[in-house]
C-alpha cells in the first residue's frame, strides 16, 4: 500500500485526474483537471492531491484544498473528494489518506464547529483540526 502525492509525483497527474473524474461524476470534469494540473509546481502548499495505490491499482484518493465551495471560506484547509473503491471499503484505507493529509496540514484531532452552506442549497457539517 502506497500513498502518492501527485505534487511530488507529477507523472501521476493524468491518472489522478481520471480517478477523480470517474468517481465524482457530479463535479464538472474540468474542475479536477484544472485543480490537479495547477497544484503541480505551485508556489503555495495547497492544493495537494493524493492517490492510494495497492499493487498496480489505484484504490483511493483525496484532496487537501483551501475551500470546498462552502460559505466558511475563513476555514482551511479542507479534505475533499475522499474516495475508496467499493471492494476495498471497510479496511480503514480512508484513514490512511486523512492521516497523510494531516501530516501535510500539521494538524490533529477533528472537532465539530458548526454548519456551512453551499451555493446549491445544501449544508455540510464542519470539523476543524487543531494545530500542534
C-alpha atoms as a PDB file:
ATOM      1  CA  UNK A   1       0.000   0.000   0.000  1.00  0.00           C
ATOM      2  CA  UNK A   2       1.422   3.371  -1.014  1.00  0.00           C
ATOM      3  CA  UNK A   3       0.183   6.943  -0.783  1.00  0.00           C
ATOM      4  CA  UNK A   4       1.239   9.017  -3.765  1.00  0.00           C
ATOM      5  CA  UNK A   5       1.408  12.806  -3.622  1.00  0.00           C
ATOM      6  CA  UNK A   6       0.595  13.995  -7.135  1.00  0.00           C
ATOM      7  CA  UNK A   7       2.583  17.144  -6.432  1.00  0.00           C
ATOM      8  CA  UNK A   8       5.673  15.085  -5.604  1.00  0.00           C
ATOM      9  CA  UNK A   9       4.999  12.544  -8.390  1.00  0.00           C
ATOM     10  CA  UNK A  10       3.653  14.598 -11.304  1.00  0.00           C
ATOM     11  CA  UNK A  11       3.811  11.572 -13.611  1.00  0.00           C
ATOM     12  CA  UNK A  12       0.587  10.503 -11.809  1.00  0.00           C
ATOM     13  CA  UNK A  13      -1.240  13.694 -12.852  1.00  0.00           C
ATOM     14  CA  UNK A  14      -3.358  12.139 -15.621  1.00  0.00           C
ATOM     15  CA  UNK A  15      -4.091   9.056 -13.521  1.00  0.00           C
ATOM     16  CA  UNK A  16      -5.285  11.308 -10.678  1.00  0.00           C
ATOM     17  CA  UNK A  17      -7.431  13.434 -12.969  1.00  0.00           C
ATOM     18  CA  UNK A  18      -9.096  10.352 -14.436  1.00  0.00           C
ATOM     19  CA  UNK A  19      -9.596   8.768 -10.975  1.00  0.00           C
ATOM     20  CA  UNK A  20     -11.372  11.804  -9.513  1.00  0.00           C
ATOM     21  CA  UNK A  21     -13.409  12.472 -12.662  1.00  0.00           C
ATOM     22  CA  UNK A  22     -14.664   8.871 -12.723  1.00  0.00           C
ATOM     23  CA  UNK A  23     -15.515   8.724  -9.037  1.00  0.00           C
ATOM     24  CA  UNK A  24     -17.041  12.185  -8.565  1.00  0.00           C
ATOM     25  CA  UNK A  25     -19.249  12.479 -11.632  1.00  0.00           C
ATOM     26  CA  UNK A  26     -21.384  15.203 -10.003  1.00  0.00           C
ATOM     27  CA  UNK A  27     -18.408  17.574 -10.353  1.00  0.00           C
ATOM     28  CA  UNK A  28     -17.640  19.032 -13.766  1.00  0.00           C
ATOM     29  CA  UNK A  29     -14.569  17.161 -15.124  1.00  0.00           C
ATOM     30  CA  UNK A  30     -12.674  20.388 -15.839  1.00  0.00           C
ATOM     31  CA  UNK A  31     -12.615  21.155 -12.103  1.00  0.00           C
ATOM     32  CA  UNK A  32     -10.342  18.204 -11.301  1.00  0.00           C
ATOM     33  CA  UNK A  33      -8.262  18.645 -14.428  1.00  0.00           C
ATOM     34  CA  UNK A  34      -7.584  22.313 -13.713  1.00  0.00           C
ATOM     35  CA  UNK A  35      -7.029  21.943  -9.964  1.00  0.00           C
ATOM     36  CA  UNK A  36      -4.726  18.920 -10.144  1.00  0.00           C
ATOM     37  CA  UNK A  37      -2.750  20.345 -13.077  1.00  0.00           C
ATOM     38  CA  UNK A  38      -2.145  23.655 -11.294  1.00  0.00           C
ATOM     39  CA  UNK A  39      -1.259  22.007  -7.985  1.00  0.00           C
ATOM     40  CA  UNK A  40       1.936  20.681  -9.534  1.00  0.00           C
ATOM     41  CA  UNK A  41       4.750  23.170  -9.115  1.00  0.00           C
ATOM     42  CA  UNK A  42       2.504  25.642  -7.299  1.00  0.00           C
ATOM     43  CA  UNK A  43       4.163  28.188  -5.003  1.00  0.00           C
ATOM     44  CA  UNK A  44       1.525  27.632  -2.332  1.00  0.00           C
ATOM     45  CA  UNK A  45       1.383  24.479  -0.199  1.00  0.00           C
ATOM     46  CA  UNK A  46      -2.230  23.863  -1.278  1.00  0.00           C
ATOM     47  CA  UNK A  47      -3.859  22.195  -3.039  1.00  0.00           C
ATOM     48  CA  UNK A  48      -2.460  18.709  -2.558  1.00  0.00           C
ATOM     49  CA  UNK A  49      -3.873  15.590  -4.227  1.00  0.00           C
ATOM     50  CA  UNK A  50      -3.229  12.039  -3.088  1.00  0.00           C
ATOM     51  CA  UNK A  51      -3.741   8.594  -4.581  1.00  0.00           C
ATOM     52  CA  UNK A  52      -3.779   5.321  -2.667  1.00  0.00           C
ATOM     53  CA  UNK A  53      -2.141   2.532  -4.647  1.00  0.00           C
ATOM     54  CA  UNK A  54      -2.221  -1.177  -3.895  1.00  0.00           C
ATOM     55  CA  UNK A  55      -0.083  -3.242  -6.231  1.00  0.00           C
ATOM     56  CA  UNK A  56      -0.615  -1.612  -9.614  1.00  0.00           C
ATOM     57  CA  UNK A  57      -4.165  -0.461  -8.845  1.00  0.00           C
ATOM     58  CA  UNK A  58      -5.342   2.957  -7.637  1.00  0.00           C
ATOM     59  CA  UNK A  59      -7.903   2.144  -4.950  1.00  0.00           C
ATOM     60  CA  UNK A  60      -8.468   5.560  -3.375  1.00  0.00           C
ATOM     61  CA  UNK A  61      -7.794   9.240  -3.404  1.00  0.00           C
ATOM     62  CA  UNK A  62      -8.330  12.540  -1.601  1.00  0.00           C
ATOM     63  CA  UNK A  63      -7.528  16.209  -1.871  1.00  0.00           C
ATOM     64  CA  UNK A  64      -6.380  18.848   0.590  1.00  0.00           C
ATOM     65  CA  UNK A  65      -7.703  22.190  -0.625  1.00  0.00           C
ATOM     66  CA  UNK A  66      -8.339  25.771   0.502  1.00  0.00           C
ATOM     67  CA  UNK A  67     -12.139  25.771   0.092  1.00  0.00           C
ATOM     68  CA  UNK A  68     -14.814  23.220  -0.785  1.00  0.00           C
ATOM     69  CA  UNK A  69     -17.450  25.606  -2.214  1.00  0.00           C
ATOM     70  CA  UNK A  70     -18.879  26.364   1.209  1.00  0.00           C
ATOM     71  CA  UNK A  71     -19.789  29.598   2.970  1.00  0.00           C
ATOM     72  CA  UNK A  72     -16.974  29.263   5.545  1.00  0.00           C
ATOM     73  CA  UNK A  73     -14.101  30.433   3.350  1.00  0.00           C
ATOM     74  CA  UNK A  74     -12.318  31.595   6.507  1.00  0.00           C
ATOM     75  CA  UNK A  75     -11.618  27.953   7.401  1.00  0.00           C
ATOM     76  CA  UNK A  76      -8.952  25.927   5.632  1.00  0.00           C
ATOM     77  CA  UNK A  77      -7.534  23.508   4.601  1.00  0.00           C
ATOM     78  CA  UNK A  78     -10.328  21.096   3.663  1.00  0.00           C
ATOM     79  CA  UNK A  79     -10.045  17.395   2.994  1.00  0.00           C
ATOM     80  CA  UNK A  80     -12.136  16.803  -0.099  1.00  0.00           C
ATOM     81  CA  UNK A  81     -13.131  14.182  -2.638  1.00  0.00           C
ATOM     82  CA  UNK A  82     -12.068  11.321  -0.389  1.00  0.00           C
ATOM     83  CA  UNK A  83     -12.960   8.087  -2.128  1.00  0.00           C
ATOM     84  CA  UNK A  84     -12.139   4.403  -1.671  1.00  0.00           C
ATOM     85  CA  UNK A  85     -13.157   1.885  -4.333  1.00  0.00           C
ATOM     86  CA  UNK A  86     -16.140  -0.104  -3.046  1.00  0.00           C
ATOM     87  CA  UNK A  87     -14.462  -3.516  -2.897  1.00  0.00           C
ATOM     88  CA  UNK A  88     -11.737  -2.045  -0.617  1.00  0.00           C
ATOM     89  CA  UNK A  89     -14.040  -0.266   1.836  1.00  0.00           C
ATOM     90  CA  UNK A  90     -14.219  -1.382   5.442  1.00  0.00           C
ATOM     91  CA  UNK A  91     -10.439  -1.564   5.840  1.00  0.00           C
ATOM     92  CA  UNK A  92      -9.841   1.976   7.169  1.00  0.00           C
ATOM     93  CA  UNK A  93      -7.974   2.904   3.975  1.00  0.00           C
ATOM     94  CA  UNK A  94      -9.632   6.317   4.007  1.00  0.00           C
ATOM     95  CA  UNK A  95      -7.902   6.999   7.304  1.00  0.00           C
ATOM     96  CA  UNK A  96      -4.530   6.459   5.596  1.00  0.00           C
ATOM     97  CA  UNK A  97      -5.331   9.314   3.224  1.00  0.00           C
ATOM     98  CA  UNK A  98      -6.607  11.508   6.057  1.00  0.00           C
ATOM     99  CA  UNK A  99      -3.500  10.848   8.168  1.00  0.00           C
ATOM    100  CA  UNK A 100      -1.274  11.761   5.238  1.00  0.00           C
ATOM    101  CA  UNK A 101      -3.238  14.980   4.710  1.00  0.00           C
ATOM    102  CA  UNK A 102      -2.950  15.725   8.427  1.00  0.00           C
ATOM    103  CA  UNK A 103       0.826  15.473   8.186  1.00  0.00           C
ATOM    104  CA  UNK A 104       0.806  17.953   5.323  1.00  0.00           C
ATOM    105  CA  UNK A 105      -1.591  20.214   7.208  1.00  0.00           C
ATOM    106  CA  UNK A 106       0.351  19.758  10.506  1.00  0.00           C
ATOM    107  CA  UNK A 107      -2.857  19.319  12.464  1.00  0.00           C
ATOM    108  CA  UNK A 108      -4.505  16.728  14.714  1.00  0.00           C
ATOM    109  CA  UNK A 109      -7.948  15.931  16.122  1.00  0.00           C
ATOM    110  CA  UNK A 110     -11.233  16.754  14.392  1.00  0.00           C
ATOM    111  CA  UNK A 111     -13.860  18.723  16.342  1.00  0.00           C
ATOM    112  CA  UNK A 112     -17.326  19.765  15.121  1.00  0.00           C
ATOM    113  CA  UNK A 113     -17.560  23.558  14.978  1.00  0.00           C
ATOM    114  CA  UNK A 114     -20.740  24.298  13.026  1.00  0.00           C
ATOM    115  CA  UNK A 115     -22.615  24.255   9.743  1.00  0.00           C
ATOM    116  CA  UNK A 116     -21.542  25.586   6.351  1.00  0.00           C
ATOM    117  CA  UNK A 117     -23.815  26.382   3.417  1.00  0.00           C
ATOM    118  CA  UNK A 118     -23.289  25.518  -0.237  1.00  0.00           C
ATOM    119  CA  UNK A 119     -24.393  27.678  -3.189  1.00  0.00           C
ATOM    120  CA  UNK A 120     -26.741  24.898  -4.373  1.00  0.00           C
ATOM    121  CA  UNK A 121     -28.790  24.946  -1.153  1.00  0.00           C
ATOM    122  CA  UNK A 122     -27.253  22.082   0.832  1.00  0.00           C
ATOM    123  CA  UNK A 123     -25.500  22.184   4.196  1.00  0.00           C
ATOM    124  CA  UNK A 124     -22.392  20.406   5.484  1.00  0.00           C
ATOM    125  CA  UNK A 125     -21.128  19.820   8.983  1.00  0.00           C
ATOM    126  CA  UNK A 126     -17.745  21.476   9.546  1.00  0.00           C
ATOM    127  CA  UNK A 127     -14.960  19.961  11.607  1.00  0.00           C
ATOM    128  CA  UNK A 128     -11.639  21.545  12.443  1.00  0.00           C
ATOM    129  CA  UNK A 129      -8.216  20.151  13.186  1.00  0.00           C
ATOM    130  CA  UNK A 130      -6.205  21.727  15.999  1.00  0.00           C
ATOM    131  CA  UNK A 131      -2.695  22.889  15.095  1.00  0.00           C
ATOM    132  CA  UNK A 132       0.068  21.168  17.042  1.00  0.00           C
END
